[in-house]
Every structure is written in C-alpha cells, then in structure tokens.
Amino acid sequence: MLKLSVIEREEHTGRGRPRLGVTVKPKLGLPARNHAQVVYETLRGRLDFTKGDESINSERPRCSPYPPGATAVRGRLAEWAPPGRARAEEAGQAMTAKRSRSHAIGVASDRNLALELVRVTEGAAIAAARLMGRNAKEEADQAAVDAMRQRLAHVDMDGVVVIGEGEKDEAPMLYIGEHVGNGNPPRVDVAVDPIDGTTLVARGLPGGIATVALSDRGTLYATHCAYMEKLIVGPRAAGVIDITDTVRDNLRRIARAEGRDVEDLTVVVLDRPRHEALLRDIRATGARVKLITDGDVAAGLMAAMEERTGIDVLMGIGGAPEGVLTACAIKAIGGGMQARLAPQSEAERLTAADEGKDPGVVLQLDDLCAGENVFFAATGITDGELLEGVRFAGSTARTQSVVMRSWTGTVRYIDAIHNMTRLRALAASGRARMRPVASELLVAPTGGRRLRSGIKGGAA
C-alpha cells in the first residue's frame, strides 16, 4: 500500500511540475524483500524520490519474520533490483505496461481531468459564440480551434489527437496525430470537436456545443471513414439494443426496458435524405420523431440522458469521428451504444478496406472506447435542450457545461461566470497562464467606436 504525496518546492524537476514522491508504509506486514520491490518499482515508474517512514528504523511489523530497519530494506533492494541498465529499463517498461493494462490514467483517488477539460471547452465556446449568427462557419470554427488548442497545451497530460480536425495537411491545428498537453503523464488519446454543429452556430440555431474527451492511450477507435450508423440509448435500455435488428423490434425492447409504450418514445434523427426509409419505419411504430439539422454529438448525449432532455433513442447515420467522441460520453453516463461504419461512396468503401475494417461488423461501446477511465466535457455555444449557450453581459460571459468521468460515473453540470475585464488585465500583465490569441479582436459598432468584444485567452 502506497501513501502518495505531492511535495511542492520552488525547485522543480525540469518537466514543469512539482516533485512527486512516495512513502512506503512498513507496518503493514511487508517483508523487507517485498518492501524493497515496491520501492524499486516506484522509482522505475518515474517517481522522483521515495521517503523512508519515520518508524522504519525503530520497529518491524508484528507479522513480519524479517529483521527491522532501513539497512535490511536497502540490502534487499540491492538483492532484488535486476543488474545492469538493460534489465532495469526492462523492469521499468514492464511496470509501465502493467499500469497501462490495469488502469492507465489513474486510480479512483487521482485528479479529475474532466475538471481541467471544462476550461478548454469553455474557452472554445466563448470564442465561437462571439460569431454566432454571423454566417461565418470557417471563422467561428477557427476561433474555437485556436482557443481549444491553446488551453489543451496547459492540461497536465501527454495527449495524442485521435479524433480531430482532419489530417495534418488539411488541419493546421488539432490534426490527427498532433501531440497536446504539457507532456506530463498520463498518456491519453484525445478526441476533440471544437464546434459540434458549426452550421447551427453560424446561423444562430440551437444546439451548438464545444466538446473534448480523453481516454487511455490506444483505446479510442480510429478510422478515416466519414460516416457511421449509430444506435444510442440511456442506461435502462443499454442491454437490449441490436443494430442488426429491425427498427420495430428495437423500439419495442427499448420501450419495455424503459417501462413505457412505444408511442411514448422519442427518437432523434438527422434530417437527411438518406434517412427517408428509417423515418418511415420509426413512424410506423407510433414512436415520436425529433429531426435535427446538425449536432451529432449533442444528439447522442440527449438520447443517453433521456430524463433531462426527453429524448430516448438516437438512430441513423452520422459522422464517424463524432460517433467515437459520443461513445466517450456514453461510457461515462452508462448508456448503451452500437455502431457500424456506413460508407456513402466508393472512395469510403476503399478507405475502409485499406484500413482492414468491415462495414458489416457491429462495433460495441467498448470497441469505440475501450478505456476504463474516460473523461468528457462539453460547453454550450448556442442555447439547446442539453446546455444553455454562452451569454454576454457587459464585462462578463456566462457558460454552462457538463463534465463526466466513467471511472466514478459522476456527471457534473457547471454554471460559470467569466470576468472578461479581469482576464484581459491578467493577460496584458503576463500573469495569466493563457494569452489571448490573435483572432480575439472583433469589431462591434457602438456609437462609431471600435471595441474589443471578446477574449479567447485567459485563466478562466
């Protein structure tokens, strides 16, 4: 059993963080050899130091047959540690792999990264909201990307973008394969969608959100296919869905699991010509339908959080990257999700074949997001059924966000008030961790004066 403690000092390790050490408690019955093994493994696991317990020299555990004292531990440490640098590196790698297999991001008592991620989505939402309804899709998306990337650089993680804005040649920032975070552990996959529903934001319509998710490294589903068929429900119906079955039978089982009639269910579907047959099948059962023009991730969240939104099921074909991002949230909520790739062109079919992926294979939730400790955060940009949008009032901006963590199953809603005047002052003085980006300055007509109307930097 390890007693972990963070020791903050002016002198850092050179990696932008405080020194991290452990005290291995000796009174729990650890023999000296086992005690030494724990000490060795913590050092090989990249902790900075170990501290001897104050009583290690005074007494031994009553149940231990081994002699007391730090000398015995040191002797056993020398005896246990594999000789040679190669053996030592091998042991360190083995311990890292063991931690990755068991629980890569951390244990239940470590920090909740979702609470750091919410600052990322808040910044992106505030940046994009300044362009709401101005029919400037590209500008709004770029503003959100700039703000999100800037804030991700300060999150304590070693992240690689798996779901991003596109390939490196197509997206200058937050591209697939880009490293984000400050480089410290944990090692994670990152999925981002700076604006889910770019058209909604550009036209000032409800439902635009900014989202980001993290999962253990190597656990997020990766594909270059653009489209994916999805079936998403809340926790009560998680075990009864089958994407290969008919719409009618699925809705009957879902209704039974929810304790309602099929006619009471509401199914959310993207309003696309490809869904004409699907809509006929849904309506034939008597279920209600909610059509949306955009906002794939938000729609999936609404289906899994039926008690908050009144939406019970998501059906149909949407974006594949959005599907993986949604899966992170569904895992945290405890809902159910199945999917399969749905190529819409010959080029996409060839892409799936090149990746060795069969569009007919059903992807379960764990196929899309296999991590045990998944973090998800979203902030409303425009008002929607899931989250309120950003509201500006004088020198403040109000945001509403939802943050989730799969390990604990906790879902938090966060209402925040951002003092923009103070944030600008901090940024100007250099005391803010994050500075405003170049595109922060917007023009607002106010009696002939040109004003700064927004900030995308700051320490909110």
Protein backbone atom coordinates (compact mmCIF):
# COMPACT_ATOMS: atom_id res chain seq x y z
CA MET A 1 0.00 0.00 0.00
CA LEU A 2 1.48 3.33 -1.03
CA LYS A 3 0.90 6.63 0.65
CA LEU A 4 1.25 9.18 -2.17
CA SER A 5 2.14 12.80 -1.55
CA VAL A 6 2.95 15.72 -3.83
CA ILE A 7 5.78 17.87 -2.50
CA GLU A 8 5.72 21.35 -3.96
CA ARG A 9 9.02 23.19 -3.98
CA GLU A 10 10.49 26.17 -5.78
CA GLU A 11 12.93 23.81 -7.45
CA HIS A 12 11.09 21.66 -9.99
CA THR A 13 12.12 18.58 -11.90
CA GLY A 14 12.53 20.44 -15.16
CA ARG A 15 9.30 18.98 -16.50
CA GLY A 16 7.02 21.80 -15.41
CA ARG A 17 5.59 20.06 -12.37
CA PRO A 18 6.32 19.60 -8.66
CA ARG A 19 8.44 16.69 -7.47
CA LEU A 20 6.41 13.56 -6.84
CA GLY A 21 7.37 11.01 -4.21
CA VAL A 22 6.01 8.19 -2.08
CA THR A 23 6.28 6.90 1.43
CA VAL A 24 6.02 3.12 1.61
CA LYS A 25 4.41 2.26 4.93
CA PRO A 26 6.33 -0.58 6.62
CA LYS A 27 3.90 -1.52 9.40
CA LEU A 28 1.50 -3.35 7.14
CA GLY A 29 3.36 -6.63 7.28
CA LEU A 30 5.64 -6.21 4.25
CA PRO A 31 8.77 -8.37 4.40
CA ALA A 32 11.94 -6.44 3.62
CA ARG A 33 12.25 -8.03 0.17
CA ASN A 34 8.68 -7.07 -0.77
CA HIS A 35 9.17 -3.62 0.69
CA ALA A 36 12.31 -3.19 -1.43
CA GLN A 37 10.47 -4.38 -4.52
CA VAL A 38 7.80 -1.72 -4.04
CA VAL A 39 10.45 0.99 -3.58
CA TYR A 40 12.28 -0.15 -6.71
CA GLU A 41 9.12 -0.25 -8.81
CA THR A 42 8.05 3.25 -7.77
CA LEU A 43 11.43 4.65 -8.81
CA ARG A 44 11.40 2.77 -12.08
CA GLY A 45 7.87 4.10 -12.60
CA ARG A 46 9.35 7.64 -12.85
CA LEU A 47 8.54 8.95 -9.41
CA ASP A 48 11.21 11.40 -8.29
CA PHE A 49 12.00 10.03 -4.84
CA THR A 50 10.95 7.73 -2.03
CA LYS A 51 10.85 8.74 1.63
CA GLY A 52 11.68 6.36 4.41
CA ASP A 53 8.98 6.10 7.04
CA GLU A 54 9.99 7.66 10.34
CA SER A 55 9.45 4.37 12.19
CA ILE A 56 11.24 2.07 9.77
CA ASN A 57 14.36 2.06 11.94
CA SER A 58 12.53 1.59 15.21
CA GLU A 59 10.40 -1.49 14.83
CA ARG A 60 9.25 -4.15 12.45
CA PRO A 61 5.70 -5.22 11.67
CA ARG A 62 4.48 -7.74 14.22
CA CYS A 63 3.56 -10.19 11.49
CA SER A 64 6.87 -9.91 9.61
CA PRO A 65 9.61 -12.51 10.19
CA TYR A 66 12.22 -10.25 8.59
CA PRO A 67 14.59 -8.03 10.56
CA PRO A 68 13.70 -4.38 11.11
CA GLY A 69 15.49 -1.35 9.83
CA ALA A 70 16.32 0.58 6.70
CA THR A 71 19.54 -1.39 6.30
CA ALA A 72 17.60 -4.57 5.71
CA VAL A 73 15.46 -2.84 3.09
CA ARG A 74 18.49 -1.39 1.33
CA GLY A 75 20.13 -4.77 1.31
CA ARG A 76 17.08 -6.43 -0.10
CA LEU A 77 16.75 -3.63 -2.67
CA ALA A 78 20.23 -4.33 -3.97
CA GLU A 79 19.47 -8.05 -3.98
CA TRP A 80 16.12 -7.67 -5.77
CA ALA A 81 16.98 -4.99 -8.38
CA PRO A 82 17.91 -6.54 -11.72
CA PRO A 83 21.60 -5.96 -12.51
CA GLY A 84 22.52 -3.79 -15.45
CA ARG A 85 20.89 -0.88 -17.20
CA ALA A 86 19.09 -3.05 -19.75
CA ARG A 87 17.46 -5.15 -17.05
CA ALA A 88 16.47 -2.00 -15.18
CA GLU A 89 14.89 -0.47 -18.26
CA GLU A 90 13.11 -3.75 -18.91
CA ALA A 91 11.67 -3.72 -15.40
CA GLY A 92 10.55 -0.10 -15.78
CA GLN A 93 8.84 -0.85 -19.08
CA ALA A 94 7.15 -3.89 -17.58
CA MET A 95 5.78 -1.82 -14.72
CA THR A 96 4.56 0.86 -17.14
CA ALA A 97 2.83 -1.77 -19.25
CA LYS A 98 1.30 -3.31 -16.13
CA ARG A 99 -0.13 0.03 -15.08
CA SER A 100 -1.40 0.67 -18.59
CA ARG A 101 -3.20 -2.66 -18.68
CA SER A 102 -4.73 -2.24 -15.27
CA HIS A 103 -5.70 1.42 -15.27
CA ALA A 104 -3.64 3.75 -17.45
CA ILE A 105 -4.90 7.15 -16.38
CA GLY A 106 -5.00 6.63 -12.63
CA VAL A 107 -6.87 5.30 -9.64
CA ALA A 108 -10.13 6.45 -8.18
CA SER A 109 -8.41 8.96 -5.88
CA ASP A 110 -6.44 10.84 -8.56
CA ARG A 111 -7.41 14.17 -10.02
CA ASN A 112 -10.42 14.50 -12.26
CA LEU A 113 -9.09 15.62 -15.63
CA ALA A 114 -12.61 16.46 -16.76
CA LEU A 115 -12.48 19.46 -14.44
CA GLU A 116 -9.42 20.67 -16.36
CA LEU A 117 -11.03 19.89 -19.71
CA VAL A 118 -14.05 22.06 -18.94
CA ARG A 119 -11.81 25.13 -19.08
CA VAL A 120 -10.83 24.01 -22.56
CA THR A 121 -14.43 23.75 -23.77
CA GLU A 122 -15.44 26.97 -22.02
CA GLY A 123 -12.74 28.86 -23.89
CA ALA A 124 -13.72 27.35 -27.23
CA ALA A 125 -17.41 28.08 -26.61
CA ILE A 126 -16.81 31.72 -25.67
CA ALA A 127 -14.61 32.21 -28.73
CA ALA A 128 -17.16 30.70 -31.12
CA ALA A 129 -20.16 32.39 -29.50
CA ARG A 130 -18.86 35.81 -30.50
CA LEU A 131 -19.57 34.83 -34.12
CA MET A 132 -23.00 33.30 -33.51
CA GLY A 133 -25.49 34.03 -36.27
CA ARG A 134 -22.98 35.90 -38.44
CA ASN A 135 -22.92 33.19 -41.12
CA ALA A 136 -19.18 32.74 -40.68
CA LYS A 137 -18.69 28.99 -40.31
CA GLU A 138 -14.97 28.91 -41.02
CA GLU A 139 -14.19 31.90 -38.82
CA ALA A 140 -16.19 30.50 -35.90
CA ASP A 141 -14.56 27.10 -36.22
CA GLN A 142 -11.08 28.61 -36.39
CA ALA A 143 -11.74 30.76 -33.33
CA ALA A 144 -12.87 27.69 -31.38
CA VAL A 145 -9.88 25.64 -32.58
CA ASP A 146 -7.41 28.38 -31.59
CA ALA A 147 -8.88 28.70 -28.11
CA MET A 148 -9.14 24.95 -27.57
CA ARG A 149 -5.60 24.21 -28.70
CA GLN A 150 -4.17 26.98 -26.52
CA ARG A 151 -5.87 25.63 -23.43
CA LEU A 152 -5.07 21.99 -24.14
CA ALA A 153 -1.38 22.91 -24.05
CA HIS A 154 -1.75 23.64 -20.31
CA VAL A 155 -3.56 20.44 -19.35
CA ASP A 156 -1.40 18.06 -17.32
CA MET A 157 -1.30 15.17 -19.81
CA ASP A 158 0.68 13.58 -22.63
CA GLY A 159 -2.05 13.51 -25.27
CA VAL A 160 -2.26 12.49 -28.91
CA VAL A 161 -5.20 13.66 -31.02
CA VAL A 162 -7.03 10.61 -32.40
CA ILE A 163 -10.27 12.36 -33.34
CA GLY A 164 -9.52 15.86 -34.58
CA GLU A 165 -9.98 18.46 -37.27
CA GLY A 166 -8.52 16.27 -40.04
CA GLU A 167 -5.17 15.12 -41.38
CA LYS A 168 -2.03 17.15 -40.75
CA ASP A 169 -2.01 18.58 -44.28
CA GLU A 170 -5.69 19.55 -44.02
CA ALA A 171 -5.79 20.99 -40.49
CA PRO A 172 -3.00 23.27 -39.19
CA MET A 173 -4.11 22.70 -35.58
CA LEU A 174 -5.65 19.82 -33.66
CA TYR A 175 -4.89 17.48 -36.54
CA ILE A 176 -4.90 13.71 -36.15
CA GLY A 177 -1.63 12.65 -34.57
CA GLU A 178 -0.85 16.05 -33.01
CA HIS A 179 0.60 15.96 -29.50
CA VAL A 180 -1.24 18.13 -26.99
CA GLY A 181 -0.87 18.78 -23.28
CA ASN A 182 2.24 19.70 -21.31
CA GLY A 183 3.89 16.29 -21.77
CA ASN A 184 3.43 15.03 -18.22
CA PRO A 185 1.61 11.76 -17.50
CA PRO A 186 -0.96 10.38 -18.04
CA ARG A 187 -0.60 9.19 -21.64
CA VAL A 188 -4.00 9.55 -23.30
CA ASP A 189 -5.91 9.56 -26.57
CA VAL A 190 -7.67 12.86 -27.22
CA ALA A 191 -10.89 13.41 -29.16
CA VAL A 192 -11.96 16.96 -29.96
CA ASP A 193 -14.79 18.72 -31.74
CA PRO A 194 -14.30 22.46 -31.15
CA ILE A 195 -17.78 23.07 -32.58
CA ASP A 196 -20.30 20.27 -32.85
CA GLY A 197 -22.85 21.94 -35.10
CA THR A 198 -20.85 24.58 -36.94
CA THR A 199 -23.85 25.43 -39.12
CA LEU A 200 -26.00 25.84 -36.01
CA VAL A 201 -23.58 28.39 -34.60
CA ALA A 202 -23.18 30.20 -37.91
CA ARG A 203 -26.95 30.54 -38.27
CA GLY A 204 -27.66 31.20 -34.59
CA LEU A 205 -29.69 28.00 -34.22
CA PRO A 206 -29.99 25.92 -31.01
CA GLY A 207 -27.70 23.04 -30.07
CA GLY A 208 -24.11 24.07 -30.86
CA ILE A 209 -21.58 22.78 -28.31
CA ALA A 210 -17.79 22.54 -27.84
CA THR A 211 -16.55 19.10 -26.78
CA VAL A 212 -13.38 17.23 -25.82
CA ALA A 213 -12.76 13.76 -24.40
CA LEU A 214 -9.79 11.75 -23.09
CA SER A 215 -9.23 8.02 -22.77
CA ASP A 216 -6.30 5.72 -22.01
CA ARG A 217 -3.67 5.70 -24.76
CA GLY A 218 -4.56 3.35 -27.59
CA THR A 219 -8.19 2.81 -26.55
CA LEU A 220 -10.14 5.05 -28.96
CA TYR A 221 -11.40 3.68 -32.26
CA ALA A 222 -9.59 5.29 -35.19
CA THR A 223 -10.81 5.42 -38.77
CA HIS A 224 -10.67 7.73 -41.77
CA CYS A 225 -14.17 6.75 -42.84
CA ALA A 226 -16.51 9.71 -42.63
CA TYR A 227 -19.83 8.05 -41.77
CA MET A 228 -21.12 5.68 -39.15
CA GLU A 229 -24.53 4.21 -38.38
CA LYS A 230 -25.41 4.58 -34.69
CA LEU A 231 -27.95 3.34 -32.17
CA ILE A 232 -27.78 5.08 -28.78
CA VAL A 233 -29.96 4.75 -25.66
CA GLY A 234 -29.82 5.56 -21.97
CA PRO A 235 -28.71 3.30 -19.10
CA ARG A 236 -32.02 1.47 -18.62
CA ALA A 237 -32.12 0.20 -22.21
CA ALA A 238 -28.37 -0.30 -22.61
CA GLY A 239 -28.58 -4.08 -22.71
CA VAL A 240 -31.46 -4.56 -25.14
CA ILE A 241 -30.39 -2.82 -28.36
CA ASP A 242 -29.31 -4.66 -31.52
CA ILE A 243 -28.35 -2.53 -34.51
CA THR A 244 -28.77 -5.51 -36.85
CA ASP A 245 -32.41 -5.96 -35.83
CA THR A 246 -35.42 -4.07 -37.18
CA VAL A 247 -36.42 -0.63 -36.00
CA ARG A 248 -39.72 -2.03 -34.77
CA ASP A 249 -38.20 -4.75 -32.60
CA ASN A 250 -35.57 -2.43 -31.18
CA LEU A 251 -38.13 0.18 -30.16
CA ARG A 252 -40.34 -2.48 -28.57
CA ARG A 253 -37.46 -3.74 -26.42
CA ILE A 254 -36.38 -0.22 -25.53
CA ALA A 255 -39.93 0.71 -24.50
CA ARG A 256 -40.17 -2.41 -22.35
CA ALA A 257 -36.84 -1.61 -20.65
CA GLU A 258 -38.00 1.97 -20.03
CA GLY A 259 -41.34 0.79 -18.65
CA ARG A 260 -43.32 2.67 -21.30
CA ASP A 261 -45.21 2.18 -24.53
CA VAL A 262 -43.51 2.57 -27.89
CA GLU A 263 -45.77 5.55 -28.54
CA ASP A 264 -44.16 7.31 -25.57
CA LEU A 265 -40.64 7.11 -27.03
CA THR A 266 -38.96 9.98 -28.87
CA VAL A 267 -36.32 9.13 -31.46
CA VAL A 268 -33.83 11.76 -32.65
CA VAL A 269 -32.66 11.51 -36.28
CA LEU A 270 -30.54 13.72 -38.50
CA ASP A 271 -32.70 15.33 -41.18
CA ARG A 272 -31.04 13.84 -44.26
CA PRO A 273 -32.44 12.28 -47.48
CA ARG A 274 -30.66 9.01 -46.63
CA HIS A 275 -32.99 8.57 -43.65
CA GLU A 276 -36.29 8.50 -45.52
CA ALA A 277 -36.75 4.74 -45.10
CA LEU A 278 -35.64 4.90 -41.45
CA LEU A 279 -38.16 7.63 -40.69
CA ARG A 280 -40.97 5.61 -42.29
CA ASP A 281 -40.08 2.62 -40.09
CA ILE A 282 -39.97 4.72 -36.92
CA ARG A 283 -43.26 6.45 -37.62
CA ALA A 284 -44.92 3.13 -38.43
CA THR A 285 -44.33 2.01 -34.83
CA GLY A 286 -46.14 5.06 -33.41
CA ALA A 287 -42.99 6.50 -31.83
CA ARG A 288 -42.41 10.22 -31.96
CA VAL A 289 -39.58 11.71 -34.06
CA LYS A 290 -37.36 14.71 -33.46
CA LEU A 291 -35.45 15.83 -36.56
CA ILE A 292 -32.23 17.81 -36.19
CA THR A 293 -30.26 19.55 -38.91
CA ASP A 294 -26.83 19.21 -37.26
CA GLY A 295 -25.21 18.42 -33.93
CA ASP A 296 -24.37 14.72 -33.95
CA VAL A 297 -22.61 14.60 -30.57
CA ALA A 298 -25.24 16.65 -28.75
CA ALA A 299 -27.98 14.41 -30.15
CA GLY A 300 -26.24 11.29 -28.84
CA LEU A 301 -25.90 12.86 -25.41
CA MET A 302 -29.57 13.79 -25.38
CA ALA A 303 -30.57 10.19 -26.17
CA ALA A 304 -28.47 8.84 -23.31
CA MET A 305 -29.73 11.47 -20.84
CA GLU A 306 -33.43 10.99 -21.51
CA GLU A 307 -34.58 12.24 -18.12
CA ARG A 308 -33.02 15.63 -18.81
CA THR A 309 -33.89 16.05 -22.48
CA GLY A 310 -36.95 13.87 -23.17
CA ILE A 311 -35.08 12.07 -26.00
CA ASP A 312 -34.97 8.28 -25.67
CA VAL A 313 -33.15 6.96 -28.73
CA LEU A 314 -30.77 8.10 -31.46
CA MET A 315 -30.93 6.26 -34.77
CA GLY A 316 -29.34 6.77 -38.17
CA ILE A 317 -26.12 7.60 -39.96
CA GLY A 318 -23.90 10.47 -38.85
CA GLY A 319 -20.24 11.32 -38.59
CA ALA A 320 -17.80 8.57 -37.62
CA PRO A 321 -15.45 10.89 -35.67
CA GLU A 322 -18.46 12.28 -33.82
CA GLY A 323 -19.51 8.71 -33.07
CA VAL A 324 -16.24 7.98 -31.26
CA LEU A 325 -16.45 11.23 -29.32
CA THR A 326 -20.05 10.45 -28.37
CA ALA A 327 -19.01 6.96 -27.22
CA CYS A 328 -16.73 8.52 -24.60
CA ALA A 329 -19.70 10.35 -23.09
CA ILE A 330 -22.00 7.32 -23.34
CA LYS A 331 -19.45 5.25 -21.45
CA ALA A 332 -19.31 7.84 -18.69
CA ILE A 333 -23.10 8.03 -18.49
CA GLY A 334 -23.52 4.25 -18.50
CA GLY A 335 -25.74 4.26 -21.59
CA GLY A 336 -25.80 1.84 -24.50
CA MET A 337 -24.36 2.32 -27.97
CA GLN A 338 -23.78 0.19 -31.05
CA ALA A 339 -22.42 1.32 -34.40
CA ARG A 340 -21.06 0.19 -37.72
CA LEU A 341 -19.26 2.00 -40.49
CA ALA A 342 -21.56 3.28 -43.23
CA PRO A 343 -19.56 4.26 -46.33
CA GLN A 344 -21.54 6.63 -48.55
CA SER A 345 -19.30 6.39 -51.61
CA GLU A 346 -16.94 4.02 -53.37
CA ALA A 347 -13.99 6.06 -52.09
CA GLU A 348 -15.12 5.49 -48.49
CA ARG A 349 -15.55 1.78 -49.12
CA LEU A 350 -11.98 1.65 -50.40
CA THR A 351 -10.82 3.57 -47.34
CA ALA A 352 -12.48 1.04 -45.04
CA ALA A 353 -10.93 -1.82 -46.99
CA ASP A 354 -7.46 -0.23 -46.81
CA GLU A 355 -7.87 0.04 -43.04
CA GLY A 356 -8.92 -3.61 -42.84
CA LYS A 357 -12.33 -2.64 -41.48
CA ASP A 358 -15.54 -4.42 -42.44
CA PRO A 359 -18.58 -2.08 -42.55
CA GLY A 360 -20.78 -5.03 -41.64
CA VAL A 361 -19.09 -5.59 -38.29
CA VAL A 362 -21.06 -4.30 -35.30
CA LEU A 363 -19.00 -2.04 -33.06
CA GLN A 364 -19.89 -2.26 -29.39
CA LEU A 365 -19.29 0.58 -26.96
CA ASP A 366 -16.00 -0.97 -25.82
CA ASP A 367 -14.84 -1.20 -29.44
CA LEU A 368 -15.33 2.52 -29.85
CA CYS A 369 -13.92 3.47 -26.46
CA ALA A 370 -12.07 0.74 -24.58
CA GLY A 371 -10.69 2.90 -21.77
CA GLU A 372 -11.66 2.36 -18.15
CA ASN A 373 -11.07 5.95 -17.07
CA VAL A 374 -12.72 8.18 -19.67
CA PHE A 375 -13.20 11.93 -19.31
CA PHE A 376 -15.65 14.06 -21.27
CA ALA A 377 -16.51 17.75 -21.20
CA ALA A 378 -18.91 19.89 -23.25
CA THR A 379 -19.92 23.55 -23.09
CA GLY A 380 -22.94 25.09 -24.79
CA ILE A 381 -22.30 27.65 -27.51
CA THR A 382 -25.91 28.32 -28.55
CA ASP A 383 -28.93 27.56 -26.37
CA GLY A 384 -30.09 23.96 -26.65
CA GLU A 385 -32.05 21.26 -24.87
CA LEU A 386 -28.88 19.85 -23.34
CA LEU A 387 -26.98 23.00 -22.39
CA GLU A 388 -27.53 26.75 -22.33
CA GLY A 389 -25.43 28.79 -24.71
CA VAL A 390 -22.89 31.50 -23.91
CA ARG A 391 -24.43 34.74 -22.69
CA PHE A 392 -22.55 38.03 -22.71
CA ALA A 393 -23.44 40.84 -20.32
CA GLY A 394 -21.12 43.80 -20.09
CA SER A 395 -17.80 42.59 -18.77
CA THR A 396 -18.92 39.02 -18.08
CA ALA A 397 -19.68 35.88 -20.02
CA ARG A 398 -21.84 33.07 -18.66
CA THR A 399 -21.32 29.45 -19.70
CA GLN A 400 -22.97 26.14 -18.90
CA SER A 401 -21.06 22.89 -19.18
CA VAL A 402 -21.35 19.19 -18.42
CA VAL A 403 -18.37 17.10 -17.32
CA MET A 404 -18.26 13.33 -16.90
CA ARG A 405 -15.94 10.58 -15.76
CA SER A 406 -16.53 6.91 -16.46
CA TRP A 407 -14.48 5.57 -13.53
CA THR A 408 -16.83 7.10 -10.95
CA GLY A 409 -19.89 7.58 -13.15
CA THR A 410 -20.15 11.17 -11.92
CA VAL A 411 -21.86 13.73 -14.15
CA ARG A 412 -21.49 17.40 -13.15
CA TYR A 413 -23.19 20.49 -14.54
CA ILE A 414 -21.16 23.66 -14.18
CA ASP A 415 -22.52 27.19 -14.49
CA ALA A 416 -19.67 29.67 -14.71
CA ILE A 417 -19.35 33.45 -14.81
CA HIS A 418 -16.18 34.69 -16.52
CA ASN A 419 -14.92 38.18 -15.70
CA MET A 420 -13.62 39.21 -19.11
CA THR A 421 -12.20 42.54 -17.93
CA ARG A 422 -10.09 40.85 -15.29
CA LEU A 423 -8.96 38.14 -17.68
CA ARG A 424 -7.83 40.73 -20.20
CA ALA A 425 -5.91 42.57 -17.49
CA LEU A 426 -4.19 39.36 -16.41
CA ALA A 427 -3.33 38.54 -20.00
CA ALA A 428 -1.93 42.03 -20.61
CA SER A 429 0.21 41.83 -17.46
CA GLY A 430 1.57 38.43 -18.43
CA ARG A 431 0.24 36.82 -15.25
CA ALA A 432 -2.34 34.65 -16.99
CA ARG A 433 -1.33 31.12 -17.93
CA MET A 434 -3.02 31.56 -21.33
CA ARG A 435 -2.82 34.65 -23.50
CA PRO A 436 -5.45 35.92 -25.93
CA VAL A 437 -4.94 34.66 -29.47
CA ALA A 438 -4.60 36.99 -32.45
CA SER A 439 -8.18 36.48 -33.63
CA GLU A 440 -9.57 37.69 -30.29
CA LEU A 441 -10.25 41.20 -31.54
CA LEU A 442 -13.70 41.57 -33.07
CA VAL A 443 -15.33 44.73 -34.33
CA ALA A 444 -18.58 45.90 -32.73
CA PRO A 445 -20.34 49.08 -33.86
CA THR A 446 -21.04 51.15 -30.75
CA GLY A 447 -21.59 54.80 -31.49
CA GLY A 448 -18.79 54.85 -34.05
CA ARG A 449 -16.27 53.31 -31.63
CA ARG A 450 -14.39 50.08 -32.34
CA LEU A 451 -14.34 47.87 -29.27
CA ARG A 452 -12.73 44.63 -28.24
CA SER A 453 -15.76 42.45 -27.90
CA GLY A 454 -14.31 39.17 -26.77
CA ILE A 455 -11.42 37.28 -25.30
CA LYS A 456 -10.35 33.76 -26.07
CA GLY A 457 -7.39 33.69 -23.78
CA GLY A 458 -7.33 33.96 -20.03
CA ALA A 459 -7.24 31.79 -16.97
CA ALA A 460 -10.96 31.07 -16.68
